[in-house]
Amino acid sequence: MPTWKCTGTEVTAEKAQESLDNIKSACFGCQIHSNDCPISHAAQEIACMIEE
């Protein structure tokens, strides 16, 4: 099971995918994906944990 690094909590792959989908829907669509964007950063972290 994937582990959320911030808390060490194990989650199902389905729950991680659901969270990733929700975060992507929260995107403001500014078309600039910098490392300073917390939404982009969170989406990247969740995507990485799903891949592991």
Protein backbone atom coordinates (compact mmCIF):
# COMPACT_ATOMS: atom_id res chain seq x y z
CA MET A 1 0.00 0.00 0.00
CA PRO A 2 1.24 3.52 -0.73
CA THR A 3 2.37 5.59 2.25
CA TRP A 4 1.63 9.30 2.59
CA LYS A 5 5.05 10.76 3.51
CA CYS A 6 3.66 13.66 5.56
CA THR A 7 2.11 11.40 8.21
CA GLY A 8 3.43 7.91 7.47
CA THR A 9 -0.15 6.78 6.91
CA GLU A 10 -0.74 3.85 4.58
CA VAL A 11 -3.59 4.32 2.12
CA THR A 12 -5.06 2.17 -0.61
CA ALA A 13 -4.06 2.86 -4.19
CA GLU A 14 -7.71 3.68 -4.89
CA LYS A 15 -7.83 6.30 -2.12
CA ALA A 16 -4.56 7.82 -3.34
CA GLN A 17 -5.94 8.03 -6.88
CA GLU A 18 -9.16 9.61 -5.58
CA SER A 19 -7.12 12.23 -3.73
CA LEU A 20 -4.99 12.89 -6.81
CA ASP A 21 -8.12 13.40 -8.92
CA ASN A 22 -9.52 15.81 -6.33
CA ILE A 23 -6.31 17.83 -6.19
CA LYS A 24 -6.17 18.05 -9.99
CA SER A 25 -9.73 19.37 -9.99
CA ALA A 26 -8.64 22.10 -7.55
CA CYS A 27 -6.09 23.44 -10.05
CA PHE A 28 -6.66 27.09 -10.97
CA GLY A 29 -5.55 26.44 -14.57
CA CYS A 30 -2.98 29.21 -14.56
CA GLN A 31 -0.92 27.12 -17.04
CA ILE A 32 2.28 27.76 -15.08
CA HIS A 33 3.39 24.74 -13.09
CA SER A 34 6.22 25.98 -10.92
CA ASN A 35 7.72 24.35 -7.86
CA ASP A 36 6.15 27.14 -5.80
CA CYS A 37 2.60 25.89 -6.51
CA PRO A 38 1.34 23.85 -3.54
CA ILE A 39 -1.39 22.20 -5.64
CA SER A 40 1.13 21.03 -8.23
CA HIS A 41 3.52 19.90 -5.49
CA ALA A 42 0.84 17.85 -3.71
CA ALA A 43 -0.29 16.26 -6.98
CA GLN A 44 3.29 15.29 -7.77
CA GLU A 45 3.82 13.76 -4.31
CA ILE A 46 0.64 11.68 -4.59
CA ALA A 47 1.45 10.57 -8.14
CA CYS A 48 4.89 9.42 -6.97
CA MET A 49 3.47 7.41 -4.11
CA ILE A 50 1.02 5.67 -6.46
CA GLU A 51 3.91 4.69 -8.77
CA GLU A 52 5.92 3.08 -5.95
